[in-house]
N, C-alpha and C. Protein backbone atom coordinates (compact mmCIF):
# COMPACT_ATOMS: atom_id res chain seq x y z
N MET A 1 0.85 -1.16 0.00
CA MET A 1 0.00 0.00 0.00
C MET A 1 0.90 1.23 0.00
N ASP A 2 0.50 2.23 -0.77
CA ASP A 2 1.24 3.48 -0.83
C ASP A 2 0.89 4.31 0.40
N GLU A 3 1.90 4.69 1.15
CA GLU A 3 1.69 5.43 2.41
C GLU A 3 1.16 6.84 2.16
N GLU A 4 1.57 7.48 1.05
CA GLU A 4 1.17 8.87 0.80
C GLU A 4 -0.28 8.98 0.37
N THR A 5 -0.69 8.14 -0.57
CA THR A 5 -2.05 8.26 -1.09
C THR A 5 -3.03 7.30 -0.44
N GLY A 6 -2.54 6.25 0.21
CA GLY A 6 -3.43 5.29 0.85
C GLY A 6 -4.04 4.30 -0.13
N ARG A 7 -3.53 4.29 -1.38
CA ARG A 7 -4.06 3.37 -2.39
C ARG A 7 -3.18 2.13 -2.50
N GLU A 8 -3.77 1.08 -2.97
CA GLU A 8 -3.04 -0.17 -3.19
C GLU A 8 -2.22 -0.05 -4.47
N LYS A 9 -0.92 -0.33 -4.38
CA LYS A 9 -0.05 -0.24 -5.55
C LYS A 9 -0.25 -1.42 -6.49
N ARG A 10 -0.50 -2.57 -5.93
CA ARG A 10 -0.61 -3.77 -6.75
C ARG A 10 -1.93 -3.75 -7.50
N ARG A 11 -1.88 -4.10 -8.78
CA ARG A 11 -3.04 -3.98 -9.65
C ARG A 11 -3.79 -5.28 -9.90
N GLY A 12 -3.30 -6.37 -9.45
CA GLY A 12 -3.99 -7.63 -9.72
C GLY A 12 -3.31 -8.78 -9.02
N PRO A 13 -3.75 -9.97 -9.34
CA PRO A 13 -3.15 -11.14 -8.69
C PRO A 13 -1.70 -11.31 -9.12
N ASP A 14 -0.85 -11.64 -8.18
CA ASP A 14 0.55 -11.87 -8.48
C ASP A 14 0.76 -13.32 -8.90
N PHE A 15 2.01 -13.69 -9.07
CA PHE A 15 2.36 -15.03 -9.53
C PHE A 15 1.81 -16.11 -8.59
N TRP A 16 1.91 -15.90 -7.28
CA TRP A 16 1.50 -16.92 -6.32
C TRP A 16 -0.01 -17.11 -6.31
N CYS A 17 -0.76 -16.02 -6.45
CA CYS A 17 -2.22 -16.15 -6.51
C CYS A 17 -2.64 -16.91 -7.77
N LYS A 18 -1.97 -16.61 -8.88
CA LYS A 18 -2.28 -17.33 -10.11
C LYS A 18 -1.89 -18.80 -9.99
N MET A 19 -0.76 -19.07 -9.32
CA MET A 19 -0.33 -20.45 -9.16
C MET A 19 -1.32 -21.24 -8.29
N ILE A 20 -1.85 -20.61 -7.26
CA ILE A 20 -2.84 -21.28 -6.42
C ILE A 20 -4.09 -21.60 -7.23
N ARG A 21 -4.50 -20.67 -8.10
CA ARG A 21 -5.67 -20.91 -8.95
C ARG A 21 -5.42 -22.10 -9.89
N TRP A 22 -4.22 -22.16 -10.48
CA TRP A 22 -3.90 -23.28 -11.37
C TRP A 22 -3.80 -24.59 -10.60
N MET A 23 -3.35 -24.53 -9.36
CA MET A 23 -3.31 -25.75 -8.55
C MET A 23 -4.72 -26.24 -8.23
N GLU A 24 -5.64 -25.32 -8.03
CA GLU A 24 -7.04 -25.71 -7.81
C GLU A 24 -7.59 -26.42 -9.04
N ILE A 25 -7.31 -25.86 -10.22
CA ILE A 25 -7.79 -26.48 -11.46
C ILE A 25 -7.16 -27.85 -11.64
N GLN A 26 -5.86 -27.95 -11.40
CA GLN A 26 -5.16 -29.23 -11.50
C GLN A 26 -5.73 -30.24 -10.51
N ALA A 27 -6.06 -29.79 -9.31
CA ALA A 27 -6.61 -30.69 -8.29
C ALA A 27 -7.98 -31.22 -8.72
N TRP A 28 -8.82 -30.37 -9.31
CA TRP A 28 -10.13 -30.83 -9.76
C TRP A 28 -10.01 -31.81 -10.93
N ILE A 29 -9.04 -31.58 -11.81
CA ILE A 29 -8.81 -32.52 -12.91
C ILE A 29 -8.36 -33.87 -12.37
N LEU A 30 -7.45 -33.85 -11.40
CA LEU A 30 -7.00 -35.10 -10.77
C LEU A 30 -8.16 -35.80 -10.07
N ALA A 31 -9.03 -35.04 -9.40
CA ALA A 31 -10.18 -35.65 -8.72
C ALA A 31 -11.12 -36.30 -9.73
N GLY A 32 -11.32 -35.67 -10.88
CA GLY A 32 -12.13 -36.27 -11.93
C GLY A 32 -11.52 -37.55 -12.47
N ALA A 33 -10.20 -37.54 -12.66
CA ALA A 33 -9.51 -38.75 -13.13
C ALA A 33 -9.62 -39.87 -12.11
N ILE A 34 -9.53 -39.52 -10.83
CA ILE A 34 -9.66 -40.54 -9.77
C ILE A 34 -11.05 -41.14 -9.79
N LEU A 35 -12.06 -40.31 -9.94
CA LEU A 35 -13.44 -40.83 -10.00
C LEU A 35 -13.64 -41.74 -11.21
N CYS A 36 -13.06 -41.38 -12.35
CA CYS A 36 -13.16 -42.24 -13.53
C CYS A 36 -12.48 -43.58 -13.29
N LEU A 37 -11.29 -43.55 -12.68
CA LEU A 37 -10.59 -44.80 -12.39
C LEU A 37 -11.35 -45.67 -11.39
N LEU A 38 -11.95 -45.04 -10.39
CA LEU A 38 -12.73 -45.82 -9.43
C LEU A 38 -13.97 -46.42 -10.09
N GLY A 39 -14.55 -45.69 -11.04
CA GLY A 39 -15.68 -46.24 -11.79
C GLY A 39 -15.28 -47.42 -12.65
N LEU A 40 -14.08 -47.36 -13.22
CA LEU A 40 -13.58 -48.49 -14.01
C LEU A 40 -13.20 -49.67 -13.14
N ALA A 41 -12.72 -49.40 -11.94
CA ALA A 41 -12.26 -50.47 -11.05
C ALA A 41 -13.41 -51.21 -10.38
N LYS A 42 -14.54 -50.56 -10.25
CA LYS A 42 -15.68 -51.15 -9.56
C LYS A 42 -16.22 -52.35 -10.33
N PRO A 43 -16.57 -53.42 -9.63
CA PRO A 43 -17.11 -54.59 -10.34
C PRO A 43 -18.47 -54.27 -10.95
N ARG A 44 -18.74 -54.92 -12.09
CA ARG A 44 -20.01 -54.72 -12.77
C ARG A 44 -21.12 -55.38 -11.97
N SER A 45 -22.22 -54.68 -11.83
CA SER A 45 -23.36 -55.25 -11.11
C SER A 45 -24.54 -55.36 -12.06
N VAL A 46 -25.45 -56.23 -11.73
CA VAL A 46 -26.66 -56.41 -12.53
C VAL A 46 -27.61 -55.27 -12.20
N THR A 47 -28.06 -54.57 -13.23
CA THR A 47 -28.95 -53.43 -13.03
C THR A 47 -30.40 -53.86 -13.24
N LEU A 48 -31.30 -52.97 -12.91
CA LEU A 48 -32.71 -53.23 -13.12
C LEU A 48 -33.01 -53.39 -14.61
N TYR A 49 -32.31 -52.63 -15.44
CA TYR A 49 -32.48 -52.74 -16.88
C TYR A 49 -32.07 -54.14 -17.36
N ASP A 50 -30.97 -54.65 -16.84
CA ASP A 50 -30.53 -56.01 -17.20
C ASP A 50 -31.56 -57.05 -16.78
N ARG A 51 -32.12 -56.88 -15.61
CA ARG A 51 -33.11 -57.85 -15.12
C ARG A 51 -34.41 -57.78 -15.90
N PHE A 52 -34.82 -56.57 -16.27
CA PHE A 52 -36.11 -56.40 -16.90
C PHE A 52 -36.09 -56.82 -18.37
N TYR A 53 -35.05 -56.39 -19.11
CA TYR A 53 -35.03 -56.63 -20.55
C TYR A 53 -34.18 -57.82 -20.97
N GLY A 54 -33.24 -58.21 -20.17
CA GLY A 54 -32.36 -59.31 -20.56
C GLY A 54 -32.88 -60.64 -20.05
N SER A 55 -32.76 -61.64 -20.89
CA SER A 55 -33.12 -62.98 -20.43
C SER A 55 -31.96 -63.54 -19.61
N PRO A 56 -32.21 -64.48 -18.74
CA PRO A 56 -31.13 -65.04 -17.91
C PRO A 56 -30.01 -65.66 -18.74
N ALA A 57 -30.32 -66.15 -19.94
CA ALA A 57 -29.29 -66.78 -20.76
C ALA A 57 -28.36 -65.75 -21.38
N THR A 58 -28.87 -64.57 -21.71
CA THR A 58 -28.04 -63.56 -22.39
C THR A 58 -27.50 -62.50 -21.45
N ALA A 59 -28.02 -62.43 -20.25
CA ALA A 59 -27.56 -61.40 -19.31
C ALA A 59 -26.14 -61.72 -18.84
N ALA A 60 -25.32 -60.70 -18.80
CA ALA A 60 -23.94 -60.88 -18.33
C ALA A 60 -23.96 -61.05 -16.82
N PRO A 61 -23.19 -61.99 -16.31
CA PRO A 61 -23.18 -62.18 -14.85
C PRO A 61 -22.48 -61.01 -14.16
N ALA A 62 -22.88 -60.79 -12.95
CA ALA A 62 -22.25 -59.73 -12.16
C ALA A 62 -20.85 -60.16 -11.75
N GLU A 63 -19.92 -59.22 -11.82
CA GLU A 63 -18.56 -59.50 -11.39
C GLU A 63 -18.45 -59.26 -9.89
N THR A 64 -17.54 -59.96 -9.27
CA THR A 64 -17.35 -59.78 -7.83
C THR A 64 -15.99 -59.21 -7.48
N ALA A 65 -15.07 -59.18 -8.43
CA ALA A 65 -13.71 -58.73 -8.14
C ALA A 65 -13.48 -57.31 -8.66
N TRP A 66 -12.74 -56.55 -7.90
CA TRP A 66 -12.35 -55.21 -8.31
C TRP A 66 -11.16 -55.29 -9.25
N ASN A 67 -11.01 -54.30 -10.09
CA ASN A 67 -9.86 -54.19 -10.97
C ASN A 67 -8.73 -53.53 -10.18
N PHE A 68 -7.80 -54.33 -9.69
CA PHE A 68 -6.75 -53.82 -8.81
C PHE A 68 -5.75 -52.93 -9.55
N TYR A 69 -5.58 -53.14 -10.84
CA TYR A 69 -4.69 -52.28 -11.61
C TYR A 69 -5.22 -50.84 -11.63
N ALA A 70 -6.51 -50.68 -11.87
CA ALA A 70 -7.11 -49.34 -11.86
C ALA A 70 -7.10 -48.75 -10.45
N LEU A 71 -7.28 -49.60 -9.43
CA LEU A 71 -7.24 -49.10 -8.05
C LEU A 71 -5.85 -48.61 -7.67
N ARG A 72 -4.82 -49.28 -8.16
CA ARG A 72 -3.45 -48.82 -7.86
C ARG A 72 -3.20 -47.45 -8.47
N TRP A 73 -3.66 -47.26 -9.70
CA TRP A 73 -3.49 -45.95 -10.34
C TRP A 73 -4.32 -44.89 -9.64
N ALA A 74 -5.50 -45.26 -9.16
CA ALA A 74 -6.30 -44.30 -8.39
C ALA A 74 -5.58 -43.92 -7.10
N LEU A 75 -4.93 -44.89 -6.47
CA LEU A 75 -4.16 -44.61 -5.25
C LEU A 75 -2.99 -43.67 -5.55
N VAL A 76 -2.29 -43.92 -6.65
CA VAL A 76 -1.18 -43.04 -7.04
C VAL A 76 -1.69 -41.62 -7.28
N LEU A 77 -2.81 -41.50 -7.98
CA LEU A 77 -3.36 -40.16 -8.25
C LEU A 77 -3.85 -39.49 -6.96
N MET A 78 -4.34 -40.28 -6.00
CA MET A 78 -4.74 -39.69 -4.72
C MET A 78 -3.54 -39.14 -3.96
N VAL A 79 -2.42 -39.85 -4.03
CA VAL A 79 -1.19 -39.35 -3.38
C VAL A 79 -0.72 -38.07 -4.06
N VAL A 80 -0.76 -38.05 -5.40
CA VAL A 80 -0.38 -36.84 -6.14
C VAL A 80 -1.33 -35.69 -5.79
N LEU A 81 -2.62 -35.99 -5.70
CA LEU A 81 -3.60 -34.96 -5.33
C LEU A 81 -3.35 -34.43 -3.93
N LEU A 82 -3.05 -35.32 -3.00
CA LEU A 82 -2.75 -34.88 -1.63
C LEU A 82 -1.50 -34.00 -1.60
N GLY A 83 -0.49 -34.37 -2.36
CA GLY A 83 0.72 -33.54 -2.43
C GLY A 83 0.45 -32.19 -3.06
N THR A 84 -0.34 -32.17 -4.13
CA THR A 84 -0.69 -30.91 -4.78
C THR A 84 -1.47 -30.00 -3.84
N CYS A 85 -2.44 -30.57 -3.14
CA CYS A 85 -3.24 -29.77 -2.21
C CYS A 85 -2.39 -29.29 -1.03
N GLY A 86 -1.53 -30.15 -0.53
CA GLY A 86 -0.66 -29.76 0.58
C GLY A 86 0.27 -28.63 0.20
N TYR A 87 0.90 -28.73 -0.97
CA TYR A 87 1.80 -27.67 -1.42
C TYR A 87 1.02 -26.38 -1.69
N GLY A 88 -0.15 -26.51 -2.30
CA GLY A 88 -0.97 -25.32 -2.56
C GLY A 88 -1.40 -24.62 -1.28
N LEU A 89 -1.76 -25.39 -0.26
CA LEU A 89 -2.15 -24.78 1.01
C LEU A 89 -0.95 -24.19 1.73
N PHE A 90 0.23 -24.80 1.58
CA PHE A 90 1.45 -24.24 2.15
C PHE A 90 1.76 -22.88 1.52
N VAL A 91 1.68 -22.81 0.20
CA VAL A 91 1.91 -21.54 -0.50
C VAL A 91 0.83 -20.54 -0.12
N ASN A 92 -0.41 -21.00 -0.04
CA ASN A 92 -1.53 -20.12 0.31
C ASN A 92 -1.36 -19.54 1.71
N ALA A 93 -0.88 -20.33 2.64
CA ALA A 93 -0.70 -19.85 4.01
C ALA A 93 0.44 -18.85 4.10
N HIS A 94 1.52 -19.08 3.35
CA HIS A 94 2.65 -18.16 3.40
C HIS A 94 2.42 -16.92 2.55
N ARG A 95 1.51 -16.99 1.61
CA ARG A 95 1.23 -15.88 0.71
C ARG A 95 0.17 -14.94 1.29
N HIS A 96 -0.43 -15.29 2.36
CA HIS A 96 -1.57 -14.58 2.93
C HIS A 96 -1.16 -13.16 3.36
N ALA A 97 -0.91 -12.26 2.40
CA ALA A 97 -0.39 -10.93 2.70
C ALA A 97 -1.47 -9.85 2.66
N ARG A 98 -2.34 -9.93 1.70
CA ARG A 98 -3.36 -8.89 1.56
C ARG A 98 -4.55 -9.17 2.46
N LYS A 99 -5.29 -8.12 2.73
CA LYS A 99 -6.45 -8.25 3.60
C LYS A 99 -7.54 -9.11 2.94
N GLU A 100 -7.66 -9.02 1.62
CA GLU A 100 -8.72 -9.76 0.93
C GLU A 100 -8.29 -11.16 0.49
N ASP A 101 -7.08 -11.58 0.83
CA ASP A 101 -6.63 -12.94 0.51
C ASP A 101 -7.43 -13.95 1.33
N ARG A 102 -7.82 -15.03 0.67
CA ARG A 102 -8.60 -16.08 1.32
C ARG A 102 -7.91 -17.42 1.14
N TYR A 103 -8.16 -18.34 2.06
CA TYR A 103 -7.65 -19.70 1.92
C TYR A 103 -8.50 -20.45 0.90
N SER A 104 -7.88 -21.34 0.17
CA SER A 104 -8.55 -22.08 -0.89
C SER A 104 -9.37 -23.23 -0.29
N VAL A 105 -10.68 -23.10 -0.37
CA VAL A 105 -11.58 -24.14 0.15
C VAL A 105 -11.49 -25.39 -0.73
N SER A 106 -11.30 -25.21 -2.03
CA SER A 106 -11.19 -26.36 -2.93
C SER A 106 -9.99 -27.23 -2.57
N LEU A 107 -8.86 -26.59 -2.29
CA LEU A 107 -7.67 -27.37 -1.93
C LEU A 107 -7.85 -28.07 -0.59
N MET A 108 -8.51 -27.42 0.35
CA MET A 108 -8.75 -28.06 1.65
C MET A 108 -9.68 -29.26 1.50
N LEU A 109 -10.77 -29.08 0.76
CA LEU A 109 -11.75 -30.14 0.58
C LEU A 109 -11.16 -31.33 -0.18
N LEU A 110 -10.51 -31.05 -1.30
CA LEU A 110 -9.95 -32.14 -2.10
C LEU A 110 -8.80 -32.83 -1.38
N GLY A 111 -8.01 -32.08 -0.62
CA GLY A 111 -6.93 -32.69 0.17
C GLY A 111 -7.49 -33.62 1.24
N ALA A 112 -8.55 -33.18 1.92
CA ALA A 112 -9.16 -34.03 2.94
C ALA A 112 -9.79 -35.28 2.32
N LEU A 113 -10.46 -35.12 1.18
CA LEU A 113 -11.07 -36.28 0.52
C LEU A 113 -10.02 -37.26 0.02
N SER A 114 -8.91 -36.75 -0.50
CA SER A 114 -7.87 -37.67 -0.96
C SER A 114 -7.21 -38.39 0.22
N ALA A 115 -7.04 -37.71 1.35
CA ALA A 115 -6.47 -38.36 2.53
C ALA A 115 -7.41 -39.46 3.04
N VAL A 116 -8.71 -39.18 3.04
CA VAL A 116 -9.69 -40.19 3.46
C VAL A 116 -9.68 -41.36 2.48
N GLY A 117 -9.59 -41.07 1.18
CA GLY A 117 -9.54 -42.13 0.18
C GLY A 117 -8.31 -43.01 0.33
N ILE A 118 -7.16 -42.40 0.60
CA ILE A 118 -5.93 -43.18 0.79
C ILE A 118 -6.07 -44.07 2.02
N MET A 119 -6.58 -43.51 3.11
CA MET A 119 -6.76 -44.32 4.33
C MET A 119 -7.76 -45.44 4.10
N LEU A 120 -8.83 -45.16 3.38
CA LEU A 120 -9.85 -46.17 3.11
C LEU A 120 -9.28 -47.31 2.27
N LEU A 121 -8.47 -46.98 1.28
CA LEU A 121 -7.87 -48.04 0.47
C LEU A 121 -6.91 -48.89 1.28
N PHE A 122 -6.18 -48.27 2.22
CA PHE A 122 -5.27 -49.06 3.05
C PHE A 122 -6.02 -49.86 4.11
N VAL A 123 -7.10 -49.32 4.64
CA VAL A 123 -7.88 -50.06 5.63
C VAL A 123 -8.54 -51.28 4.98
N LEU A 124 -9.04 -51.10 3.77
CA LEU A 124 -9.67 -52.21 3.07
C LEU A 124 -8.65 -53.13 2.40
N ARG A 125 -7.38 -52.80 2.56
CA ARG A 125 -6.26 -53.60 2.03
C ARG A 125 -6.36 -53.79 0.52
N ILE A 126 -6.79 -52.74 -0.17
CA ILE A 126 -6.82 -52.77 -1.63
C ILE A 126 -5.59 -52.00 -2.08
N GLN A 127 -4.50 -52.72 -2.30
CA GLN A 127 -3.23 -52.05 -2.63
C GLN A 127 -2.75 -52.52 -3.97
């Protein structure tokens, strides 16, 4: 802030604010990729449509096993997401210089969800 005029000298977001915004976008893209991988890893179940329109001879049986290859990649992406959110929140906390600066709720939420997902995968022993 300029002491003589009382006006803010800075005219817009600096490099760190822009970097936090890009980290939020990257985190949401990673979260979408994780959801797609979890959808691919989930075993196929028999739906109401299969029961109603398919005959028992032509209906595909429900699978019982998860795709562990897709789950491993989802776990790797969750670790990357947790690291991205952690670094973004670290930068956000140290960058908190202006009065109107806010903490990134997206990074906090996605970081917490990825930590819960990692713990859940380890508790269920899906490695």
